[in-house]
Structures are given as structure tokens and as C-alpha cells.
């Protein structure tokens, strides 16, 4: 289950819903990774849609999460790539 550790830590640190965390792409983060835009969600059928409340928000991230994201983000990342992709 170690593959999912960063995902679980991110969810606990931010309080965002599972579908919102699954929908995150690198383009949703500020360049320095200190904030994230939450405005999309992925439902159980894998369809990208607006959040449950339909309200987008930008939330600040704690330094521990910034460091974790710095470790996760590839040097040559595509802004469209998912931050927390599934194993397959």
C-alpha cells in the first residue's frame, strides 16, 4: 500500500474530497507548489466534472506537502499529467 501513501497524506493535510484529489493535474498547482486550485472532480465512472459544490477554490499548502510534491513532480512533467495516477 506504500504506493498510495502520498495520496493519503495529501488528502489528510488538505481535507479535499477523494474525487477532487484524483482529478488533480500538475497545471492546478502554482509554480512553486505552495497552492492548489480545486475546481474539478472525477466521479466513480472516471468522468471529469465540476466539484460537488460547483465552487472552485485556491488553497494554500503546508510546507510538508510542498516538499512531498517537489519529490513527486518529474523534471520533465506534462502539466496535463495526473499528480496521483493509479498503479495501472
PDB file of N, CA and C in Angstrom:
ATOM      1  N   UNK A   1       0.803  -1.214   0.000  1.00  0.00           N
ATOM      2  CA  UNK A   1       0.000   0.000   0.000  1.00  0.00           C
ATOM      3  C   UNK A   1       0.843   1.274   0.000  1.00  0.00           C
ATOM      4  N   UNK A   2       2.157   1.138   0.039  1.00  0.00           N
ATOM      5  CA  UNK A   2       3.043   2.293   0.088  1.00  0.00           C
ATOM      6  C   UNK A   2       2.867   3.203  -1.131  1.00  0.00           C
ATOM      7  N   UNK A   3       2.406   2.641  -2.255  1.00  0.00           N
ATOM      8  CA  UNK A   3       2.178   3.422  -3.465  1.00  0.00           C
ATOM      9  C   UNK A   3       1.202   4.577  -3.201  1.00  0.00           C
ATOM     10  N   UNK A   4       0.257   4.388  -2.284  1.00  0.00           N
ATOM     11  CA  UNK A   4      -0.798   5.372  -2.028  1.00  0.00           C
ATOM     12  C   UNK A   4      -0.494   6.316  -0.866  1.00  0.00           C
ATOM     13  N   UNK A   5       0.666   6.195  -0.255  1.00  0.00           N
ATOM     14  CA  UNK A   5       0.995   6.994   0.926  1.00  0.00           C
ATOM     15  C   UNK A   5       0.878   8.495   0.670  1.00  0.00           C
ATOM     16  N   UNK A   6       1.498   8.998  -0.393  1.00  0.00           N
ATOM     17  CA  UNK A   6       1.444  10.439  -0.679  1.00  0.00           C
ATOM     18  C   UNK A   6       0.013  10.909  -0.894  1.00  0.00           C
ATOM     19  N   UNK A   7      -0.788  10.097  -1.579  1.00  0.00           N
ATOM     20  CA  UNK A   7      -2.189  10.436  -1.825  1.00  0.00           C
ATOM     21  C   UNK A   7      -2.951  10.596  -0.507  1.00  0.00           C
ATOM     22  N   UNK A   8      -2.783   9.659   0.387  1.00  0.00           N
ATOM     23  CA  UNK A   8      -3.475   9.698   1.681  1.00  0.00           C
ATOM     24  C   UNK A   8      -2.992  10.886   2.512  1.00  0.00           C
ATOM     25  N   UNK A   9      -1.696  11.112   2.555  1.00  0.00           N
ATOM     26  CA  UNK A   9      -1.150  12.252   3.303  1.00  0.00           C
ATOM     27  C   UNK A   9      -1.687  13.565   2.739  1.00  0.00           C
ATOM     28  N   UNK A  10      -1.735  13.692   1.406  1.00  0.00           N
ATOM     29  CA  UNK A  10      -2.257  14.905   0.769  1.00  0.00           C
ATOM     30  C   UNK A  10      -3.717  15.139   1.156  1.00  0.00           C
ATOM     31  N   UNK A  11      -4.520  14.079   1.104  1.00  0.00           N
ATOM     32  CA  UNK A  11      -5.939  14.207   1.465  1.00  0.00           C
ATOM     33  C   UNK A  11      -6.114  14.641   2.920  1.00  0.00           C
ATOM     34  N   UNK A  12      -5.379  14.048   3.833  1.00  0.00           N
ATOM     35  CA  UNK A  12      -5.495  14.434   5.245  1.00  0.00           C
ATOM     36  C   UNK A  12      -5.027  15.863   5.478  1.00  0.00           C
ATOM     37  N   UNK A  13      -3.964  16.274   4.803  1.00  0.00           N
ATOM     38  CA  UNK A  13      -3.407  17.616   5.006  1.00  0.00           C
ATOM     39  C   UNK A  13      -4.291  18.711   4.426  1.00  0.00           C
ATOM     40  N   UNK A  14      -5.022  18.390   3.358  1.00  0.00           N
ATOM     41  CA  UNK A  14      -5.829  19.413   2.685  1.00  0.00           C
ATOM     42  C   UNK A  14      -7.316  19.321   2.979  1.00  0.00           C
ATOM     43  N   UNK A  15      -7.785  18.138   3.295  1.00  0.00           N
ATOM     44  CA  UNK A  15      -9.209  17.955   3.566  1.00  0.00           C
ATOM     45  C   UNK A  15     -10.072  17.903   2.318  1.00  0.00           C
ATOM     46  N   UNK A  16      -9.458  17.767   1.147  1.00  0.00           N
ATOM     47  CA  UNK A  16     -10.270  17.733  -0.066  1.00  0.00           C
ATOM     48  C   UNK A  16     -10.873  16.347  -0.261  1.00  0.00           C
ATOM     49  N   UNK A  17     -11.927  16.291  -1.053  1.00  0.00           N
ATOM     50  CA  UNK A  17     -12.620  15.030  -1.325  1.00  0.00           C
ATOM     51  C   UNK A  17     -11.757  14.130  -2.221  1.00  0.00           C
ATOM     52  N   UNK A  18     -12.035  12.841  -2.175  1.00  0.00           N
ATOM     53  CA  UNK A  18     -11.271  11.866  -2.950  1.00  0.00           C
ATOM     54  C   UNK A  18     -11.320  12.171  -4.443  1.00  0.00           C
ATOM     55  N   UNK A  19     -12.498  12.428  -4.986  1.00  0.00           N
ATOM     56  CA  UNK A  19     -12.629  12.732  -6.411  1.00  0.00           C
ATOM     57  C   UNK A  19     -11.861  13.973  -6.821  1.00  0.00           C
ATOM     58  N   UNK A  20     -11.790  14.961  -5.925  1.00  0.00           N
ATOM     59  CA  UNK A  20     -11.026  16.182  -6.204  1.00  0.00           C
ATOM     60  C   UNK A  20      -9.533  15.887  -6.240  1.00  0.00           C
ATOM     61  N   UNK A  21      -9.066  15.063  -5.326  1.00  0.00           N
ATOM     62  CA  UNK A  21      -7.646  14.702  -5.291  1.00  0.00           C
ATOM     63  C   UNK A  21      -7.273  13.857  -6.512  1.00  0.00           C
ATOM     64  N   UNK A  22      -8.147  12.952  -6.908  1.00  0.00           N
ATOM     65  CA  UNK A  22      -7.872  12.113  -8.071  1.00  0.00           C
ATOM     66  C   UNK A  22      -7.819  12.920  -9.360  1.00  0.00           C
ATOM     67  N   UNK A  23      -8.543  14.030  -9.428  1.00  0.00           N
ATOM     68  CA  UNK A  23      -8.601  14.862 -10.632  1.00  0.00           C
ATOM     69  C   UNK A  23      -7.421  15.812 -10.764  1.00  0.00           C
ATOM     70  N   UNK A  24      -6.602  15.938  -9.736  1.00  0.00           N
ATOM     71  CA  UNK A  24      -5.526  16.926  -9.765  1.00  0.00           C
ATOM     72  C   UNK A  24      -4.491  16.646 -10.852  1.00  0.00           C
ATOM     73  N   UNK A  25      -4.193  17.697 -11.591  1.00  0.00           N
ATOM     74  CA  UNK A  25      -3.137  17.670 -12.596  1.00  0.00           C
ATOM     75  C   UNK A  25      -2.102  18.701 -12.168  1.00  0.00           C
ATOM     76  N   UNK A  26      -0.886  18.564 -12.689  1.00  0.00           N
ATOM     77  CA  UNK A  26       0.181  19.485 -12.285  1.00  0.00           C
ATOM     78  C   UNK A  26      -0.163  20.933 -12.621  1.00  0.00           C
ATOM     79  N   UNK A  27      -0.977  21.154 -13.636  1.00  0.00           N
ATOM     80  CA  UNK A  27      -1.350  22.518 -14.011  1.00  0.00           C
ATOM     81  C   UNK A  27      -2.217  23.197 -12.953  1.00  0.00           C
ATOM     82  N   UNK A  28      -2.782  22.450 -12.040  1.00  0.00           N
ATOM     83  CA  UNK A  28      -3.634  23.015 -10.994  1.00  0.00           C
ATOM     84  C   UNK A  28      -2.834  23.633  -9.846  1.00  0.00           C
ATOM     85  N   UNK A  29      -1.528  23.395  -9.816  1.00  0.00           N
ATOM     86  CA  UNK A  29      -0.669  23.910  -8.743  1.00  0.00           C
ATOM     87  C   UNK A  29       0.037  25.183  -9.179  1.00  0.00           C
ATOM     88  N   UNK A  30       0.316  26.040  -8.215  1.00  0.00           N
ATOM     89  CA  UNK A  30       1.155  27.204  -8.507  1.00  0.00           C
ATOM     90  C   UNK A  30       2.545  26.690  -8.877  1.00  0.00           C
ATOM     91  N   UNK A  31       3.323  27.523  -9.552  1.00  0.00           N
ATOM     92  CA  UNK A  31       4.665  27.105  -9.986  1.00  0.00           C
ATOM     93  C   UNK A  31       5.539  26.637  -8.831  1.00  0.00           C
ATOM     94  N   UNK A  32       5.392  27.287  -7.671  1.00  0.00           N
ATOM     95  CA  UNK A  32       6.216  26.913  -6.517  1.00  0.00           C
ATOM     96  C   UNK A  32       5.536  25.866  -5.617  1.00  0.00           C
ATOM     97  N   UNK A  33       4.397  25.356  -6.070  1.00  0.00           N
ATOM     98  CA  UNK A  33       3.656  24.284  -5.376  1.00  0.00           C
ATOM     99  C   UNK A  33       3.091  24.699  -4.011  1.00  0.00           C
ATOM    100  N   UNK A  34       3.002  25.974  -3.732  1.00  0.00           N
ATOM    101  CA  UNK A  34       2.519  26.413  -2.416  1.00  0.00           C
ATOM    102  C   UNK A  34       1.001  26.562  -2.362  1.00  0.00           C
ATOM    103  N   UNK A  35       0.333  26.423  -3.505  1.00  0.00           N
ATOM    104  CA  UNK A  35      -1.134  26.469  -3.504  1.00  0.00           C
ATOM    105  C   UNK A  35      -1.657  25.598  -4.641  1.00  0.00           C
ATOM    106  N   UNK A  36      -2.915  25.193  -4.499  1.00  0.00           N
ATOM    107  CA  UNK A  36      -3.544  24.342  -5.498  1.00  0.00           C
ATOM    108  C   UNK A  36      -4.957  24.844  -5.775  1.00  0.00           C
ATOM    109  N   UNK A  37      -5.352  24.780  -7.028  1.00  0.00           N
ATOM    110  CA  UNK A  37      -6.705  25.135  -7.447  1.00  0.00           C
ATOM    111  C   UNK A  37      -7.551  23.876  -7.423  1.00  0.00           C
ATOM    112  N   UNK A  38      -8.648  23.926  -6.708  1.00  0.00           N
ATOM    113  CA  UNK A  38      -9.583  22.802  -6.647  1.00  0.00           C
ATOM    114  C   UNK A  38     -10.852  23.254  -7.363  1.00  0.00           C
ATOM    115  N   UNK A  39     -11.126  22.677  -8.513  1.00  0.00           N
ATOM    116  CA  UNK A  39     -12.294  23.086  -9.275  1.00  0.00           C
ATOM    117  C   UNK A  39     -12.871  21.964 -10.115  1.00  0.00           C
ATOM    118  N   UNK A  40     -12.250  20.787 -10.041  1.00  0.00           N
ATOM    119  CA  UNK A  40     -12.722  19.632 -10.799  1.00  0.00           C
ATOM    120  C   UNK A  40     -12.703  18.399  -9.910  1.00  0.00           C
ATOM    121  N   UNK A  41     -13.459  17.423 -10.344  1.00  0.00           N
ATOM    122  CA  UNK A  41     -13.529  16.168  -9.623  1.00  0.00           C
ATOM    123  C   UNK A  41     -13.656  15.049 -10.651  1.00  0.00           C
ATOM    124  N   UNK A  42     -13.308  13.848 -10.250  1.00  0.00           N
ATOM    125  CA  UNK A  42     -13.531  12.673 -11.091  1.00  0.00           C
ATOM    126  C   UNK A  42     -14.527  11.796 -10.346  1.00  0.00           C
ATOM    127  N   UNK A  43     -15.617  11.430 -11.029  1.00  0.00           N
ATOM    128  CA  UNK A  43     -16.623  10.597 -10.369  1.00  0.00           C
ATOM    129  C   UNK A  43     -16.246   9.117 -10.449  1.00  0.00           C
ATOM    130  N   UNK A  44     -17.079   8.252  -9.906  1.00  0.00           N
ATOM    131  CA  UNK A  44     -16.767   6.821  -9.841  1.00  0.00           C
ATOM    132  C   UNK A  44     -16.690   6.162 -11.212  1.00  0.00           C
ATOM    133  N   UNK A  45     -17.227   6.817 -12.241  1.00  0.00           N
ATOM    134  CA  UNK A  45     -17.153   6.282 -13.602  1.00  0.00           C
ATOM    135  C   UNK A  45     -15.966   6.845 -14.374  1.00  0.00           C
ATOM    136  N   UNK A  46     -15.136   7.650 -13.686  1.00  0.00           N
ATOM    137  CA  UNK A  46     -13.952   8.212 -14.317  1.00  0.00           C
ATOM    138  C   UNK A  46     -14.216   9.451 -15.147  1.00  0.00           C
ATOM    139  N   UNK A  47     -15.378  10.061 -14.956  1.00  0.00           N
ATOM    140  CA  UNK A  47     -15.743  11.254 -15.722  1.00  0.00           C
ATOM    141  C   UNK A  47     -15.333  12.503 -14.945  1.00  0.00           C
ATOM    142  N   UNK A  48     -14.624  13.401 -15.615  1.00  0.00           N
ATOM    143  CA  UNK A  48     -14.197  14.668 -15.020  1.00  0.00           C
ATOM    144  C   UNK A  48     -15.381  15.631 -15.031  1.00  0.00           C
ATOM    145  N   UNK A  49     -15.630  16.283 -13.881  1.00  0.00           N
ATOM    146  CA  UNK A  49     -16.762  17.197 -13.770  1.00  0.00           C
ATOM    147  C   UNK A  49     -16.441  18.276 -12.745  1.00  0.00           C
ATOM    148  N   UNK A  50     -17.378  19.204 -12.543  1.00  0.00           N
ATOM    149  CA  UNK A  50     -17.204  20.236 -11.522  1.00  0.00           C
ATOM    150  C   UNK A  50     -17.229  19.591 -10.135  1.00  0.00           C
ATOM    151  N   UNK A  51     -16.727  20.301  -9.143  1.00  0.00           N
ATOM    152  CA  UNK A  51     -16.740  19.790  -7.776  1.00  0.00           C
ATOM    153  C   UNK A  51     -18.176  19.639  -7.277  1.00  0.00           C
ATOM    154  N   UNK A  52     -18.338  18.945  -6.184  1.00  0.00           N
ATOM    155  CA  UNK A  52     -19.661  18.692  -5.615  1.00  0.00           C
ATOM    156  C   UNK A  52     -20.429  19.993  -5.367  1.00  0.00           C
ATOM    157  N   UNK A  53     -19.746  21.000  -4.845  1.00  0.00           N
ATOM    158  CA  UNK A  53     -20.401  22.274  -4.540  1.00  0.00           C
ATOM    159  C   UNK A  53     -20.419  23.222  -5.737  1.00  0.00           C
ATOM    160  N   UNK A  54     -19.711  22.851  -6.802  1.00  0.00           N
ATOM    161  CA  UNK A  54     -19.573  23.685  -8.004  1.00  0.00           C
ATOM    162  C   UNK A  54     -18.838  25.003  -7.733  1.00  0.00           C
ATOM    163  N   UNK A  55     -18.127  25.056  -6.620  1.00  0.00           N
ATOM    164  CA  UNK A  55     -17.341  26.238  -6.269  1.00  0.00           C
ATOM    165  C   UNK A  55     -15.863  25.891  -6.332  1.00  0.00           C
ATOM    166  N   UNK A  56     -15.147  26.601  -7.167  1.00  0.00           N
ATOM    167  CA  UNK A  56     -13.695  26.411  -7.247  1.00  0.00           C
ATOM    168  C   UNK A  56     -13.032  27.212  -6.132  1.00  0.00           C
ATOM    169  N   UNK A  57     -11.875  26.741  -5.697  1.00  0.00           N
ATOM    170  CA  UNK A  57     -11.140  27.435  -4.633  1.00  0.00           C
ATOM    171  C   UNK A  57      -9.649  27.209  -4.826  1.00  0.00           C
ATOM    172  N   UNK A  58      -8.859  28.160  -4.388  1.00  0.00           N
ATOM    173  CA  UNK A  58      -7.400  28.014  -4.351  1.00  0.00           C
ATOM    174  C   UNK A  58      -7.036  27.893  -2.886  1.00  0.00           C
ATOM    175  N   UNK A  59      -6.346  26.812  -2.534  1.00  0.00           N
ATOM    176  CA  UNK A  59      -5.997  26.611  -1.129  1.00  0.00           C
ATOM    177  C   UNK A  59      -4.478  26.584  -0.956  1.00  0.00           C
ATOM    178  N   UNK A  60      -4.006  27.179   0.133  1.00  0.00           N
ATOM    179  CA  UNK A  60      -2.567  27.146   0.423  1.00  0.00           C
ATOM    180  C   UNK A  60      -2.169  25.761   0.928  1.00  0.00           C
ATOM    181  N   UNK A  61      -0.930  25.387   0.686  1.00  0.00           N
ATOM    182  CA  UNK A  61      -0.440  24.072   1.098  1.00  0.00           C
ATOM    183  C   UNK A  61       0.663  24.217   2.135  1.00  0.00           C
ATOM    184  N   UNK A  62       0.655  23.339   3.148  1.00  0.00           N
ATOM    185  CA  UNK A  62       1.718  23.375   4.149  1.00  0.00           C
ATOM    186  C   UNK A  62       3.060  22.953   3.547  1.00  0.00           C
ATOM    187  N   UNK A  63       4.132  23.415   4.147  1.00  0.00           N
ATOM    188  CA  UNK A  63       5.486  23.123   3.654  1.00  0.00           C
ATOM    189  C   UNK A  63       5.753  21.635   3.518  1.00  0.00           C
ATOM    190  N   UNK A  64       5.225  20.819   4.406  1.00  0.00           N
ATOM    191  CA  UNK A  64       5.451  19.374   4.313  1.00  0.00           C
ATOM    192  C   UNK A  64       4.862  18.814   3.016  1.00  0.00           C
ATOM    193  N   UNK A  65       3.731  19.333   2.593  1.00  0.00           N
ATOM    194  CA  UNK A  65       3.098  18.890   1.351  1.00  0.00           C
ATOM    195  C   UNK A  65       3.869  19.437   0.152  1.00  0.00           C
ATOM    196  N   UNK A  66       4.339  20.667   0.240  1.00  0.00           N
ATOM    197  CA  UNK A  66       5.149  21.246  -0.840  1.00  0.00           C
ATOM    198  C   UNK A  66       6.377  20.366  -1.084  1.00  0.00           C
ATOM    199  N   UNK A  67       7.055  19.956  -0.030  1.00  0.00           N
ATOM    200  CA  UNK A  67       8.244  19.107  -0.166  1.00  0.00           C
ATOM    201  C   UNK A  67       7.892  17.756  -0.791  1.00  0.00           C
ATOM    202  N   UNK A  68       6.777  17.173  -0.369  1.00  0.00           N
ATOM    203  CA  UNK A  68       6.335  15.899  -0.926  1.00  0.00           C
ATOM    204  C   UNK A  68       6.038  16.053  -2.423  1.00  0.00           C
ATOM    205  N   UNK A  69       5.380  17.140  -2.818  1.00  0.00           N
ATOM    206  CA  UNK A  69       5.065  17.375  -4.224  1.00  0.00           C
ATOM    207  C   UNK A  69       6.328  17.616  -5.045  1.00  0.00           C
ATOM    208  N   UNK A  70       7.300  18.293  -4.461  1.00  0.00           N
ATOM    209  CA  UNK A  70       8.586  18.508  -5.147  1.00  0.00           C
ATOM    210  C   UNK A  70       9.261  17.171  -5.451  1.00  0.00           C
ATOM    211  N   UNK A  71       9.156  16.221  -4.525  1.00  0.00           N
ATOM    212  CA  UNK A  71       9.737  14.894  -4.747  1.00  0.00           C
ATOM    213  C   UNK A  71       8.958  14.123  -5.822  1.00  0.00           C
ATOM    214  N   UNK A  72       7.655  14.310  -5.874  1.00  0.00           N
ATOM    215  CA  UNK A  72       6.798  13.572  -6.808  1.00  0.00           C
ATOM    216  C   UNK A  72       6.869  14.096  -8.234  1.00  0.00           C
ATOM    217  N   UNK A  73       6.998  15.402  -8.384  1.00  0.00           N
ATOM    218  CA  UNK A  73       6.898  16.003  -9.719  1.00  0.00           C
ATOM    219  C   UNK A  73       8.138  15.678 -10.550  1.00  0.00           C
ATOM    220  N   UNK A  74       7.952  15.025 -11.685  1.00  0.00           N
ATOM    221  CA  UNK A  74       9.096  14.712 -12.557  1.00  0.00           C
ATOM    222  C   UNK A  74       9.718  15.982 -13.126  1.00  0.00           C
ATOM    223  N   UNK A  75      10.970  15.918 -13.464  1.00  0.00           N
ATOM    224  CA  UNK A  75      11.680  17.074 -14.042  1.00  0.00           C
ATOM    225  C   UNK A  75      11.017  17.520 -15.354  1.00  0.00           C
ATOM    226  N   UNK A  76      10.627  16.558 -16.164  1.00  0.00           N
ATOM    227  CA  UNK A  76      10.038  16.861 -17.472  1.00  0.00           C
ATOM    228  C   UNK A  76       8.534  16.554 -17.483  1.00  0.00           C
ATOM    229  N   UNK A  77       7.837  17.009 -16.470  1.00  0.00           N
ATOM    230  CA  UNK A  77       6.413  16.700 -16.341  1.00  0.00           C
ATOM    231  C   UNK A  77       5.574  17.419 -17.397  1.00  0.00           C
ATOM    232  N   UNK A  78       4.450  16.807 -17.721  1.00  0.00           N
ATOM    233  CA  UNK A  78       3.449  17.412 -18.591  1.00  0.00           C
ATOM    234  C   UNK A  78       2.393  18.021 -17.666  1.00  0.00           C
ATOM    235  N   UNK A  79       2.035  19.292 -17.837  1.00  0.00           N
ATOM    236  CA  UNK A  79       1.037  19.922 -16.966  1.00  0.00           C
ATOM    237  C   UNK A  79      -0.306  19.179 -16.937  1.00  0.00           C
ATOM    238  N   UNK A  80      -0.581  18.391 -17.964  1.00  0.00           N
ATOM    239  CA  UNK A  80      -1.833  17.631 -18.028  1.00  0.00           C
ATOM    240  C   UNK A  80      -1.755  16.302 -17.265  1.00  0.00           C
ATOM    241  N   UNK A  81      -0.566  15.888 -16.860  1.00  0.00           N
ATOM    242  CA  UNK A  81      -0.411  14.618 -16.137  1.00  0.00           C
ATOM    243  C   UNK A  81      -1.110  14.672 -14.786  1.00  0.00           C
ATOM    244  N   UNK A  82      -1.654  13.532 -14.381  1.00  0.00           N
ATOM    245  CA  UNK A  82      -2.254  13.421 -13.051  1.00  0.00           C
ATOM    246  C   UNK A  82      -1.163  13.416 -11.990  1.00  0.00           C
ATOM    247  N   UNK A  83      -1.442  14.050 -10.871  1.00  0.00           N
ATOM    248  CA  UNK A  83      -0.493  14.085  -9.759  1.00  0.00           C
ATOM    249  C   UNK A  83      -0.493  12.739  -9.039  1.00  0.00           C
ATOM    250  N   UNK A  84      -1.670  12.135  -8.908  1.00  0.00           N
ATOM    251  CA  UNK A  84      -1.806  10.855  -8.210  1.00  0.00           C
ATOM    252  C   UNK A  84      -2.434   9.824  -9.147  1.00  0.00           C
ATOM    253  N   UNK A  85      -1.674   9.330 -10.145  1.00  0.00           N
ATOM    254  CA  UNK A  85      -2.230   8.347 -11.062  1.00  0.00           C
ATOM    255  C   UNK A  85      -2.403   6.997 -10.364  1.00  0.00           C
ATOM    256  N   UNK A  86      -3.275   6.171 -10.917  1.00  0.00           N
ATOM    257  CA  UNK A  86      -3.443   4.821 -10.402  1.00  0.00           C
ATOM    258  C   UNK A  86      -2.230   3.978 -10.744  1.00  0.00           C
ATOM    259  N   UNK A  87      -2.132   2.818 -10.136  1.00  0.00           N
ATOM    260  CA  UNK A  87      -0.992   1.932 -10.371  1.00  0.00           C
ATOM    261  C   UNK A  87      -0.918   1.484 -11.828  1.00  0.00           C
ATOM    262  N   UNK A  88      -2.058   1.297 -12.452  1.00  0.00           N
ATOM    263  CA  UNK A  88      -2.079   0.812 -13.839  1.00  0.00           C
ATOM    264  C   UNK A  88      -2.231   1.966 -14.771  1.00  0.00           C
TER     265      UNK A  88
END
